[in-house]
């Protein structure tokens, strides 16, 4: 889902900052803040479920044999 955003001048943002922060949270929109028509900052809502990569693959791999024992295959020496 594409996130909606609006753009506004820094002076307007400064005057209504706390109200706009509530609106960003409630409506899940972003606000691009400009100075002299140039974008300088963006206020975005916090993601509700942060991505945690630690342990994300747990339970996806099955070990069927001993992974530390020597192999039963003889390797030929390369010259």
Protein backbone atom coordinates (compact mmCIF):
# COMPACT_ATOMS: atom_id res chain seq x y z
CA UNK A 1 0.00 0.00 0.00
CA UNK A 2 1.42 3.37 -1.03
CA UNK A 3 1.72 5.87 1.77
CA UNK A 4 0.08 9.28 1.18
CA UNK A 5 2.12 12.40 1.82
CA UNK A 6 1.62 16.12 1.87
CA UNK A 7 4.08 18.99 1.51
CA UNK A 8 4.20 22.19 3.58
CA UNK A 9 6.41 25.14 4.36
CA UNK A 10 8.59 25.01 7.47
CA UNK A 11 6.84 28.02 9.07
CA UNK A 12 3.44 26.34 8.82
CA UNK A 13 4.89 23.07 10.17
CA UNK A 14 6.50 24.91 13.10
CA UNK A 15 3.20 26.54 14.08
CA UNK A 16 1.24 23.27 14.05
CA UNK A 17 3.96 20.69 14.81
CA UNK A 18 2.24 18.77 17.66
CA UNK A 19 -1.10 18.63 15.84
CA UNK A 20 0.63 17.41 12.66
CA UNK A 21 2.51 14.70 14.58
CA UNK A 22 -0.84 13.35 15.83
CA UNK A 23 -2.24 13.45 12.29
CA UNK A 24 0.74 11.54 10.89
CA UNK A 25 0.23 8.82 13.50
CA UNK A 26 -3.56 8.58 13.12
CA UNK A 27 -3.84 8.81 9.32
CA UNK A 28 -0.53 7.05 8.57
CA UNK A 29 0.61 9.81 6.20
CA UNK A 30 3.96 11.52 5.76
CA UNK A 31 4.71 15.25 5.63
CA UNK A 32 7.49 16.72 3.50
CA UNK A 33 8.73 19.98 5.06
CA UNK A 34 10.09 22.61 2.67
CA UNK A 35 12.17 25.78 2.97
CA UNK A 36 11.95 28.21 0.07
CA UNK A 37 10.21 25.51 -1.98
CA UNK A 38 13.02 22.95 -1.47
CA UNK A 39 12.30 19.72 0.50
CA UNK A 40 14.50 19.57 3.62
CA UNK A 41 12.87 17.01 5.93
CA UNK A 42 10.18 14.36 6.09
CA UNK A 43 7.96 13.39 9.04
CA UNK A 44 6.84 9.76 8.74
CA UNK A 45 4.90 7.41 11.02
CA UNK A 46 6.77 4.74 12.97
CA UNK A 47 6.34 1.22 11.60
CA UNK A 48 4.10 -0.72 13.96
CA UNK A 49 6.10 -3.95 13.74
CA UNK A 50 9.83 -3.38 13.51
CA UNK A 51 11.72 -5.91 11.42
CA UNK A 52 13.96 -8.10 13.56
CA UNK A 53 16.39 -10.10 11.45
CA UNK A 54 17.91 -11.96 14.40
CA UNK A 55 16.39 -15.44 14.41
CA UNK A 56 14.11 -14.79 11.43
CA UNK A 57 15.09 -18.10 9.78
CA UNK A 58 14.56 -20.20 12.88
CA UNK A 59 12.82 -23.48 12.05
CA UNK A 60 13.45 -23.24 8.30
CA UNK A 61 16.45 -25.63 8.13
CA UNK A 62 16.42 -29.35 8.86
CA UNK A 63 19.66 -31.19 9.64
CA UNK A 64 19.30 -34.83 8.58
CA UNK A 65 22.80 -36.16 9.36
CA UNK A 66 25.80 -35.35 11.50
CA UNK A 67 27.22 -32.10 10.12
CA UNK A 68 30.59 -32.30 11.92
CA UNK A 69 31.62 -35.91 11.15
CA UNK A 70 34.09 -36.55 8.29
CA UNK A 71 32.62 -37.29 4.86
CA UNK A 72 32.67 -40.82 3.46
CA UNK A 73 34.04 -39.48 0.17
CA UNK A 74 37.75 -39.67 -0.66
CA UNK A 75 39.12 -36.55 -2.27
CA UNK A 76 41.77 -36.75 -4.94
CA UNK A 77 44.85 -34.65 -4.52
CA UNK A 78 45.12 -31.90 -7.12
CA UNK A 79 48.46 -31.05 -8.64
